N, C-alpha and C. Protein backbone atom coordinates (compact mmCIF):
# COMPACT_ATOMS: atom_id res chain seq x y z
N MET A 1 293.58 96.08 8.61
CA MET A 1 293.01 94.78 8.40
C MET A 1 292.78 94.61 6.90
N SER A 2 292.50 93.40 6.51
CA SER A 2 292.47 93.13 5.08
C SER A 2 291.09 93.29 4.45
N ASN A 3 290.98 92.87 3.24
CA ASN A 3 289.82 93.02 2.39
C ASN A 3 288.56 92.42 3.00
N LYS A 4 287.53 93.24 3.21
CA LYS A 4 286.28 92.79 3.81
C LYS A 4 285.53 91.83 2.89
N SER A 5 285.68 91.99 1.56
CA SER A 5 284.94 91.11 0.67
C SER A 5 285.39 89.66 0.81
N SER A 6 286.67 89.44 1.16
CA SER A 6 287.12 88.06 1.36
C SER A 6 286.43 87.46 2.58
N ILE A 7 286.20 88.28 3.61
CA ILE A 7 285.50 87.81 4.79
C ILE A 7 284.05 87.49 4.41
N MET A 8 283.41 88.39 3.67
CA MET A 8 282.03 88.16 3.27
C MET A 8 281.94 86.85 2.49
N HIS A 9 282.90 86.62 1.61
CA HIS A 9 282.89 85.40 0.81
C HIS A 9 283.09 84.18 1.70
N THR A 10 284.00 84.27 2.67
CA THR A 10 284.27 83.16 3.57
C THR A 10 283.03 82.80 4.38
N LEU A 11 282.36 83.80 4.91
CA LEU A 11 281.16 83.53 5.70
C LEU A 11 279.94 83.30 4.81
N ASN A 12 280.05 83.71 3.55
CA ASN A 12 278.97 83.56 2.58
C ASN A 12 277.68 84.22 3.07
N LYS A 13 277.84 85.41 3.67
CA LYS A 13 276.70 86.17 4.18
C LYS A 13 276.93 87.65 3.87
N PRO A 14 275.85 88.39 3.63
CA PRO A 14 276.00 89.85 3.47
C PRO A 14 276.47 90.48 4.79
N MET A 15 277.30 91.51 4.67
CA MET A 15 277.90 92.14 5.83
C MET A 15 277.53 93.62 5.93
N ASN A 16 277.50 94.11 7.15
CA ASN A 16 277.32 95.53 7.43
C ASN A 16 278.71 96.15 7.51
N GLU A 17 279.06 96.96 6.50
CA GLU A 17 280.39 97.56 6.42
C GLU A 17 280.70 98.47 7.61
N ASP A 18 279.69 99.17 8.13
CA ASP A 18 279.91 100.05 9.28
C ASP A 18 280.37 99.25 10.50
N ILE A 19 279.75 98.10 10.72
CA ILE A 19 280.15 97.25 11.84
C ILE A 19 281.55 96.70 11.62
N LEU A 20 281.84 96.23 10.41
CA LEU A 20 283.17 95.70 10.12
C LEU A 20 284.24 96.78 10.32
N ASN A 21 283.94 98.00 9.87
CA ASN A 21 284.90 99.10 10.05
C ASN A 21 285.08 99.44 11.52
N ALA A 22 284.00 99.45 12.29
CA ALA A 22 284.10 99.74 13.73
C ALA A 22 284.95 98.68 14.43
N LEU A 23 284.75 97.44 14.07
CA LEU A 23 285.55 96.35 14.66
C LEU A 23 287.02 96.49 14.29
N SER A 24 287.27 96.80 13.05
CA SER A 24 288.65 96.98 12.59
C SER A 24 289.31 98.15 13.33
N ASN A 25 288.58 99.25 13.46
CA ASN A 25 289.12 100.42 14.18
C ASN A 25 289.38 100.10 15.65
N LEU A 26 288.47 99.36 16.27
CA LEU A 26 288.65 98.99 17.68
C LEU A 26 289.90 98.12 17.83
N MET A 27 290.09 97.20 16.91
CA MET A 27 291.27 96.32 16.94
C MET A 27 292.56 97.13 16.76
N VAL A 28 292.58 98.01 15.79
CA VAL A 28 293.78 98.82 15.53
C VAL A 28 294.07 99.72 16.73
N ASP A 29 293.06 100.37 17.27
CA ASP A 29 293.25 101.21 18.45
C ASP A 29 293.79 100.39 19.63
N TYR A 30 293.23 99.21 19.83
CA TYR A 30 293.68 98.39 20.95
C TYR A 30 295.13 97.98 20.77
N MET A 31 295.49 97.62 19.54
CA MET A 31 296.86 97.20 19.26
C MET A 31 297.86 98.34 19.45
N GLU A 32 297.41 99.58 19.33
CA GLU A 32 298.29 100.72 19.57
C GLU A 32 298.67 100.82 21.05
N HIS A 33 297.84 100.28 21.92
CA HIS A 33 298.05 100.40 23.36
C HIS A 33 298.63 99.13 24.00
N HIS A 34 298.60 98.03 23.28
CA HIS A 34 299.11 96.77 23.82
C HIS A 34 299.94 96.08 22.74
N CYS A 35 301.13 95.63 23.10
CA CYS A 35 301.95 94.94 22.11
C CYS A 35 301.37 93.56 21.77
N LYS A 36 300.61 92.98 22.70
CA LYS A 36 299.93 91.72 22.42
C LYS A 36 298.44 91.90 22.72
N THR A 37 297.63 91.58 21.73
CA THR A 37 296.18 91.68 21.85
C THR A 37 295.58 90.29 21.72
N TYR A 38 294.83 89.89 22.72
CA TYR A 38 294.15 88.60 22.70
C TYR A 38 292.69 88.86 22.35
N VAL A 39 292.23 88.24 21.26
CA VAL A 39 290.86 88.47 20.78
C VAL A 39 290.08 87.17 20.89
N MET A 40 288.89 87.28 21.48
CA MET A 40 288.02 86.11 21.60
C MET A 40 286.57 86.52 21.35
N ARG A 41 285.74 85.53 21.14
CA ARG A 41 284.32 85.79 20.94
C ARG A 41 283.51 84.90 21.85
N LEU A 42 282.37 85.42 22.29
CA LEU A 42 281.41 84.62 23.04
C LEU A 42 280.02 85.12 22.68
N ASP A 43 279.05 84.26 22.84
CA ASP A 43 277.66 84.61 22.60
C ASP A 43 276.90 84.53 23.92
N VAL A 44 275.97 85.45 24.10
CA VAL A 44 275.19 85.53 25.33
C VAL A 44 273.72 85.31 25.01
N HIS A 45 273.11 84.36 25.70
CA HIS A 45 271.69 84.05 25.55
C HIS A 45 271.02 84.29 26.90
N LEU A 46 269.92 85.03 26.87
CA LEU A 46 269.20 85.40 28.10
C LEU A 46 267.75 84.96 28.01
N PRO A 47 267.08 84.79 29.18
CA PRO A 47 265.63 84.54 29.15
C PRO A 47 264.93 85.73 28.50
N LYS A 48 263.81 85.46 27.86
CA LYS A 48 263.08 86.49 27.11
C LYS A 48 262.81 87.75 27.92
N GLU A 49 262.39 87.61 29.16
CA GLU A 49 262.03 88.79 29.96
C GLU A 49 263.25 89.60 30.43
N LEU A 50 264.43 89.06 30.27
CA LEU A 50 265.64 89.77 30.70
C LEU A 50 266.52 90.22 29.53
N GLN A 51 266.03 90.04 28.31
CA GLN A 51 266.88 90.29 27.16
C GLN A 51 267.31 91.75 27.02
N GLN A 52 266.48 92.69 27.38
CA GLN A 52 266.85 94.11 27.24
C GLN A 52 267.70 94.60 28.40
N ASN A 53 267.17 94.53 29.61
CA ASN A 53 267.90 95.04 30.78
C ASN A 53 269.01 94.09 31.23
N GLY A 54 268.81 92.82 31.04
CA GLY A 54 269.79 91.84 31.49
C GLY A 54 271.13 91.97 30.79
N ILE A 55 271.11 92.29 29.51
CA ILE A 55 272.38 92.38 28.79
C ILE A 55 273.20 93.56 29.28
N SER A 56 272.54 94.66 29.64
CA SER A 56 273.28 95.82 30.17
C SER A 56 273.93 95.47 31.50
N LYS A 57 273.17 94.80 32.36
CA LYS A 57 273.73 94.39 33.66
C LYS A 57 274.88 93.42 33.46
N PHE A 58 274.65 92.43 32.61
CA PHE A 58 275.70 91.44 32.33
C PHE A 58 276.96 92.14 31.82
N ASN A 59 276.81 92.95 30.79
CA ASN A 59 277.96 93.57 30.15
C ASN A 59 278.73 94.45 31.14
N HIS A 60 278.02 95.26 31.88
CA HIS A 60 278.68 96.15 32.85
C HIS A 60 279.47 95.34 33.88
N ARG A 61 278.84 94.33 34.45
CA ARG A 61 279.49 93.52 35.49
C ARG A 61 280.66 92.69 34.92
N PHE A 62 280.45 92.14 33.75
CA PHE A 62 281.48 91.32 33.12
C PHE A 62 282.72 92.16 32.79
N ILE A 63 282.51 93.29 32.15
CA ILE A 63 283.64 94.15 31.78
C ILE A 63 284.34 94.67 33.04
N GLU A 64 283.58 94.99 34.06
CA GLU A 64 284.16 95.46 35.32
C GLU A 64 285.03 94.37 35.96
N LYS A 65 284.54 93.13 35.96
CA LYS A 65 285.32 92.01 36.52
C LYS A 65 286.61 91.81 35.73
N GLU A 66 286.51 91.84 34.41
CA GLU A 66 287.70 91.67 33.57
C GLU A 66 288.70 92.81 33.81
N LYS A 67 288.19 94.03 33.99
CA LYS A 67 289.06 95.17 34.32
C LYS A 67 289.76 94.95 35.64
N ASN A 68 289.00 94.55 36.66
CA ASN A 68 289.55 94.33 37.99
C ASN A 68 290.61 93.24 38.02
N GLU A 69 290.53 92.33 37.07
CA GLU A 69 291.53 91.25 36.99
C GLU A 69 292.73 91.65 36.12
N GLY A 70 292.74 92.89 35.63
CA GLY A 70 293.90 93.42 34.92
C GLY A 70 293.97 93.13 33.44
N TYR A 71 292.85 92.74 32.82
CA TYR A 71 292.87 92.38 31.41
C TYR A 71 292.65 93.57 30.46
N ASP A 72 292.34 94.74 30.97
CA ASP A 72 292.07 95.94 30.17
C ASP A 72 291.11 95.62 29.00
N PRO A 73 289.90 95.14 29.31
CA PRO A 73 288.99 94.68 28.25
C PRO A 73 288.36 95.82 27.46
N LYS A 74 288.18 95.57 26.19
CA LYS A 74 287.37 96.39 25.29
C LYS A 74 286.48 95.39 24.56
N TYR A 75 285.32 95.85 24.14
CA TYR A 75 284.37 94.91 23.55
C TYR A 75 283.60 95.54 22.40
N ALA A 76 283.02 94.66 21.61
CA ALA A 76 282.01 95.02 20.62
C ALA A 76 280.93 93.96 20.77
N MET A 77 279.67 94.40 20.63
CA MET A 77 278.56 93.48 20.83
C MET A 77 277.48 93.75 19.77
N ALA A 78 276.99 92.67 19.17
CA ALA A 78 275.91 92.76 18.18
C ALA A 78 274.70 92.00 18.69
N ARG A 79 273.53 92.63 18.53
CA ARG A 79 272.27 92.01 18.95
C ARG A 79 271.58 91.47 17.72
N GLU A 80 271.07 90.24 17.83
CA GLU A 80 270.37 89.61 16.72
C GLU A 80 269.11 88.91 17.23
N VAL A 81 268.20 88.64 16.30
CA VAL A 81 266.98 87.91 16.61
C VAL A 81 266.99 86.61 15.81
N SER A 82 266.86 85.49 16.50
CA SER A 82 266.84 84.20 15.82
C SER A 82 265.51 84.01 15.09
N LYS A 83 265.45 82.98 14.28
CA LYS A 83 264.22 82.67 13.55
C LYS A 83 263.06 82.38 14.50
N LYS A 84 263.36 81.94 15.71
CA LYS A 84 262.33 81.67 16.72
C LYS A 84 261.94 82.94 17.48
N GLY A 85 262.58 84.06 17.17
CA GLY A 85 262.24 85.32 17.82
C GLY A 85 263.01 85.62 19.10
N ASN A 86 264.02 84.81 19.40
CA ASN A 86 264.83 85.03 20.60
C ASN A 86 266.01 85.94 20.30
N ILE A 87 266.21 86.90 21.17
CA ILE A 87 267.35 87.80 21.03
C ILE A 87 268.58 87.13 21.64
N HIS A 88 269.69 87.26 20.96
CA HIS A 88 270.97 86.80 21.49
C HIS A 88 272.03 87.83 21.09
N TYR A 89 273.18 87.76 21.73
CA TYR A 89 274.22 88.76 21.54
C TYR A 89 275.54 88.08 21.21
N HIS A 90 276.22 88.60 20.19
CA HIS A 90 277.57 88.15 19.84
C HIS A 90 278.53 89.20 20.39
N MET A 91 279.55 88.74 21.10
CA MET A 91 280.50 89.67 21.71
C MET A 91 281.92 89.34 21.28
N ALA A 92 282.63 90.35 20.80
CA ALA A 92 284.07 90.24 20.56
C ALA A 92 284.74 90.92 21.74
N LEU A 93 285.72 90.26 22.29
CA LEU A 93 286.41 90.77 23.47
C LEU A 93 287.89 90.92 23.14
N PHE A 94 288.43 92.12 23.40
CA PHE A 94 289.84 92.42 23.19
C PHE A 94 290.49 92.54 24.55
N LEU A 95 291.56 91.76 24.78
CA LEU A 95 292.20 91.68 26.09
C LEU A 95 293.70 91.86 25.96
N ASN A 96 294.32 92.28 27.05
CA ASN A 96 295.76 92.43 27.11
C ASN A 96 296.41 91.05 26.99
N GLY A 97 297.06 90.80 25.88
CA GLY A 97 297.67 89.50 25.62
C GLY A 97 298.85 89.17 26.51
N ASN A 98 299.37 90.16 27.23
CA ASN A 98 300.43 89.88 28.20
C ASN A 98 299.85 89.30 29.49
N LYS A 99 298.52 89.36 29.64
CA LYS A 99 297.87 88.89 30.87
C LYS A 99 297.07 87.60 30.68
N THR A 100 296.78 87.22 29.44
CA THR A 100 295.95 86.04 29.22
C THR A 100 296.33 85.34 27.94
N ARG A 101 296.06 84.03 27.91
CA ARG A 101 296.34 83.22 26.73
C ARG A 101 295.27 82.15 26.50
N SER A 102 294.15 82.27 27.21
CA SER A 102 293.11 81.25 27.12
C SER A 102 291.73 81.90 27.24
N ILE A 103 290.76 81.35 26.51
CA ILE A 103 289.39 81.87 26.60
C ILE A 103 288.71 81.42 27.90
N TYR A 104 289.17 80.34 28.50
CA TYR A 104 288.40 79.70 29.56
C TYR A 104 288.22 80.52 30.84
N PRO A 105 289.22 81.26 31.33
CA PRO A 105 288.93 82.07 32.53
C PRO A 105 287.89 83.16 32.24
N HIS A 106 287.88 83.65 31.02
CA HIS A 106 286.93 84.71 30.65
C HIS A 106 285.52 84.13 30.46
N ILE A 107 285.46 82.94 29.89
CA ILE A 107 284.16 82.26 29.76
C ILE A 107 283.61 81.96 31.16
N LYS A 108 284.48 81.51 32.05
CA LYS A 108 284.07 81.21 33.42
C LYS A 108 283.54 82.47 34.11
N ASN A 109 284.25 83.59 33.95
CA ASN A 109 283.78 84.87 34.50
C ASN A 109 282.41 85.22 33.94
N ALA A 110 282.25 85.08 32.62
CA ALA A 110 280.99 85.41 31.96
C ALA A 110 279.86 84.53 32.47
N GLU A 111 280.12 83.24 32.63
CA GLU A 111 279.08 82.32 33.11
C GLU A 111 278.65 82.66 34.54
N LYS A 112 279.60 82.97 35.40
CA LYS A 112 279.27 83.33 36.79
C LYS A 112 278.44 84.62 36.83
N ILE A 113 278.83 85.59 36.03
CA ILE A 113 278.12 86.86 36.04
C ILE A 113 276.72 86.69 35.46
N LEU A 114 276.61 85.92 34.38
CA LEU A 114 275.29 85.69 33.79
C LEU A 114 274.36 85.01 34.79
N LEU A 115 274.85 84.02 35.51
CA LEU A 115 274.03 83.35 36.52
C LEU A 115 273.60 84.34 37.60
N ASN A 116 274.50 85.23 37.99
CA ASN A 116 274.18 86.26 38.98
C ASN A 116 273.09 87.20 38.46
N VAL A 117 273.15 87.54 37.18
CA VAL A 117 272.17 88.46 36.57
C VAL A 117 270.80 87.81 36.45
N VAL A 118 270.73 86.57 35.99
CA VAL A 118 269.43 85.94 35.75
C VAL A 118 268.86 85.27 36.98
N GLY A 119 269.69 84.88 37.91
CA GLY A 119 269.21 84.20 39.11
C GLY A 119 269.12 82.70 38.91
N GLU A 120 269.19 81.99 40.01
CA GLU A 120 269.20 80.52 40.00
C GLU A 120 267.95 79.95 39.31
N GLU A 121 266.80 80.58 39.51
CA GLU A 121 265.55 80.04 38.94
C GLU A 121 265.49 80.13 37.42
N LYS A 122 266.33 80.96 36.80
CA LYS A 122 266.34 81.12 35.34
C LYS A 122 267.61 80.57 34.69
N LYS A 123 268.41 79.84 35.47
CA LYS A 123 269.71 79.40 34.97
C LYS A 123 269.62 78.50 33.73
N ASP A 124 268.52 77.77 33.57
CA ASP A 124 268.39 76.90 32.41
C ASP A 124 267.98 77.65 31.14
N GLU A 125 267.62 78.93 31.29
CA GLU A 125 267.19 79.74 30.16
C GLU A 125 268.28 80.70 29.69
N ALA A 126 269.45 80.65 30.31
CA ALA A 126 270.54 81.56 29.97
C ALA A 126 271.84 80.78 29.84
N TRP A 127 272.63 81.14 28.87
CA TRP A 127 273.92 80.48 28.74
C TRP A 127 274.89 81.33 27.93
N ILE A 128 276.16 80.97 28.10
CA ILE A 128 277.25 81.58 27.34
C ILE A 128 277.73 80.53 26.35
N GLU A 129 277.80 80.91 25.10
CA GLU A 129 278.32 80.03 24.06
C GLU A 129 279.79 80.37 23.83
N ARG A 130 280.63 79.36 23.80
CA ARG A 130 282.09 79.57 23.70
C ARG A 130 282.59 79.89 22.30
N CYS A 131 281.81 79.63 21.31
CA CYS A 131 282.19 79.93 19.91
C CYS A 131 283.51 79.26 19.54
N ASP A 132 283.70 78.04 19.99
CA ASP A 132 284.96 77.34 19.70
C ASP A 132 284.74 76.03 18.94
N LYS A 133 283.59 75.89 18.32
CA LYS A 133 283.32 74.68 17.54
C LYS A 133 283.62 74.94 16.07
N GLY A 134 284.56 74.19 15.53
CA GLY A 134 284.87 74.28 14.12
C GLY A 134 285.84 75.38 13.73
N HIS A 135 286.13 76.31 14.64
CA HIS A 135 287.06 77.40 14.36
C HIS A 135 287.84 77.72 15.63
N ARG A 136 288.94 78.39 15.44
CA ARG A 136 289.71 78.85 16.60
C ARG A 136 288.97 79.98 17.30
N ASN A 137 289.07 80.00 18.59
CA ASN A 137 288.58 81.13 19.39
C ASN A 137 289.67 81.44 20.39
N GLY A 138 290.02 82.69 20.48
CA GLY A 138 291.13 83.10 21.32
C GLY A 138 292.38 83.16 20.47
N ILE A 139 292.62 84.30 19.89
CA ILE A 139 293.73 84.46 18.96
C ILE A 139 294.63 85.58 19.45
N MET A 140 295.90 85.29 19.53
CA MET A 140 296.88 86.28 19.99
C MET A 140 297.46 87.00 18.77
N ILE A 141 297.41 88.33 18.83
CA ILE A 141 298.03 89.15 17.80
C ILE A 141 299.17 89.92 18.47
N ASP A 142 300.38 89.67 18.00
CA ASP A 142 301.57 90.36 18.50
C ASP A 142 301.93 91.42 17.48
N ARG A 143 301.80 92.68 17.85
CA ARG A 143 302.02 93.75 16.87
C ARG A 143 303.47 93.81 16.39
N ASN A 144 304.40 93.20 17.12
CA ASN A 144 305.80 93.18 16.70
C ASN A 144 306.14 91.98 15.83
N ASN A 145 305.19 91.07 15.68
CA ASN A 145 305.40 89.87 14.88
C ASN A 145 304.04 89.40 14.35
N ILE A 146 303.46 90.18 13.47
CA ILE A 146 302.09 89.91 13.01
C ILE A 146 302.05 88.73 12.04
N ASN A 147 301.19 87.80 12.36
CA ASN A 147 300.94 86.64 11.53
C ASN A 147 299.66 86.91 10.74
N THR A 148 299.77 86.97 9.41
CA THR A 148 298.60 87.34 8.59
C THR A 148 297.48 86.30 8.70
N ASN A 149 297.83 85.03 8.92
CA ASN A 149 296.78 84.01 9.11
C ASN A 149 295.99 84.28 10.38
N ASP A 150 296.68 84.70 11.44
CA ASP A 150 295.98 85.04 12.69
C ASP A 150 295.10 86.27 12.51
N LEU A 151 295.59 87.28 11.79
CA LEU A 151 294.78 88.47 11.52
C LEU A 151 293.52 88.10 10.73
N TYR A 152 293.69 87.26 9.74
CA TYR A 152 292.55 86.82 8.94
C TYR A 152 291.54 86.08 9.82
N GLU A 153 292.04 85.23 10.72
CA GLU A 153 291.15 84.47 11.60
C GLU A 153 290.39 85.40 12.55
N VAL A 154 291.06 86.45 13.05
CA VAL A 154 290.39 87.44 13.89
C VAL A 154 289.30 88.15 13.08
N GLU A 155 289.62 88.53 11.86
CA GLU A 155 288.61 89.16 11.00
C GLU A 155 287.42 88.25 10.78
N ARG A 156 287.69 86.98 10.49
CA ARG A 156 286.60 86.02 10.27
C ARG A 156 285.75 85.90 11.52
N GLN A 157 286.42 85.77 12.65
CA GLN A 157 285.73 85.60 13.93
C GLN A 157 284.90 86.85 14.24
N ASN A 158 285.50 88.01 14.11
CA ASN A 158 284.79 89.25 14.44
C ASN A 158 283.71 89.61 13.42
N SER A 159 283.93 89.20 12.18
CA SER A 159 282.96 89.56 11.15
C SER A 159 281.60 88.91 11.39
N TYR A 160 281.57 87.88 12.20
CA TYR A 160 280.29 87.26 12.53
C TYR A 160 279.35 88.29 13.17
N LEU A 161 279.93 89.28 13.85
CA LEU A 161 279.12 90.36 14.44
C LEU A 161 278.55 91.26 13.36
N GLY A 162 279.23 91.30 12.21
CA GLY A 162 278.83 92.22 11.15
C GLY A 162 277.85 91.66 10.13
N LYS A 163 277.49 90.41 10.27
CA LYS A 163 276.53 89.86 9.29
C LYS A 163 275.17 90.55 9.45
N THR A 164 274.52 90.81 8.33
CA THR A 164 273.23 91.50 8.38
C THR A 164 272.08 90.56 8.72
N GLU A 165 272.28 89.28 8.43
CA GLU A 165 271.26 88.28 8.74
C GLU A 165 270.94 88.31 10.23
N GLN A 166 269.69 88.21 10.57
CA GLN A 166 269.14 88.19 11.93
C GLN A 166 269.17 89.56 12.62
N LYS A 167 269.53 90.60 11.89
CA LYS A 167 269.48 91.94 12.48
C LYS A 167 268.29 92.75 11.92
N GLU A 168 267.65 92.23 10.88
CA GLU A 168 266.59 92.97 10.22
C GLU A 168 265.41 93.29 11.13
N ASN A 169 265.05 92.37 12.02
CA ASN A 169 263.86 92.55 12.87
C ASN A 169 264.19 93.01 14.29
N VAL A 170 265.40 93.48 14.50
CA VAL A 170 265.80 93.96 15.82
C VAL A 170 265.34 95.41 15.95
N LYS A 171 264.60 95.68 17.00
CA LYS A 171 264.17 97.05 17.27
C LYS A 171 265.30 97.77 18.00
N GLY A 172 265.60 98.97 17.57
CA GLY A 172 266.65 99.75 18.23
C GLY A 172 268.03 99.39 17.72
N LYS A 173 268.99 99.73 18.53
CA LYS A 173 270.40 99.58 18.17
C LYS A 173 270.80 98.11 18.11
N THR A 174 271.59 97.75 17.08
CA THR A 174 272.03 96.37 16.94
C THR A 174 273.51 96.18 17.23
N PHE A 175 274.26 97.27 17.43
CA PHE A 175 275.70 97.16 17.61
C PHE A 175 276.18 98.14 18.67
N PHE A 176 276.99 97.64 19.60
CA PHE A 176 277.50 98.44 20.71
C PHE A 176 279.00 98.19 20.81
N THR A 177 279.75 99.19 21.20
CA THR A 177 281.18 99.00 21.36
C THR A 177 281.72 99.89 22.48
N SER A 178 282.77 99.42 23.12
CA SER A 178 283.43 100.26 24.12
C SER A 178 284.30 101.26 23.37
N ARG A 179 284.68 102.28 24.06
CA ARG A 179 285.55 103.30 23.49
C ARG A 179 286.94 103.13 24.08
N ILE A 180 287.91 103.37 23.24
CA ILE A 180 289.28 103.38 23.73
C ILE A 180 289.72 104.82 23.82
N LYS A 181 290.11 105.20 25.02
CA LYS A 181 290.60 106.57 25.22
C LYS A 181 292.01 106.65 24.70
N LYS A 182 292.26 107.67 23.93
CA LYS A 182 293.61 107.88 23.41
C LYS A 182 294.54 108.20 24.56
N ARG A 183 295.63 107.46 24.63
CA ARG A 183 296.60 107.69 25.69
C ARG A 183 297.71 108.59 25.17
N LYS A 184 298.27 109.37 26.07
CA LYS A 184 299.34 110.29 25.67
C LYS A 184 300.68 109.63 25.69
């Protein structure tokens, strides 16, 4: 992937280099296993009382559903605290680009699972943000025909997870990622 300082300049925010490197490594590893990698982002908002345990349930169920549908999902997730004190999560999702070309079935899966996790009575306090306002979301990277503009857009999109802003007051771990097992 390219120069991180250009991403920092584009977002005009300080970045956590460890997170940016982890995202870059996850992307490179994923591309080694799939000739087409579909990258998308979504944000998860939960009711205050479910912010800690709810995200684990959501993530486990969501990734399992995506696996069962054949997308071979890998993810990275960053936890942040808004100025109002609400925790929210930014998620980068890496999917088999031979199986999908749209963010919408994945957003739909995420919304259904989130509703299942929080319950009908809390549905107005939880939502999935599509992250598709003002920028592209859902970018296909073909390792046999790499478009540098698409790579840059993936970096910009994923680097949002690496911004240091809103992570200062988070207790505990702020960044989580799936592991890619090396295939023989």
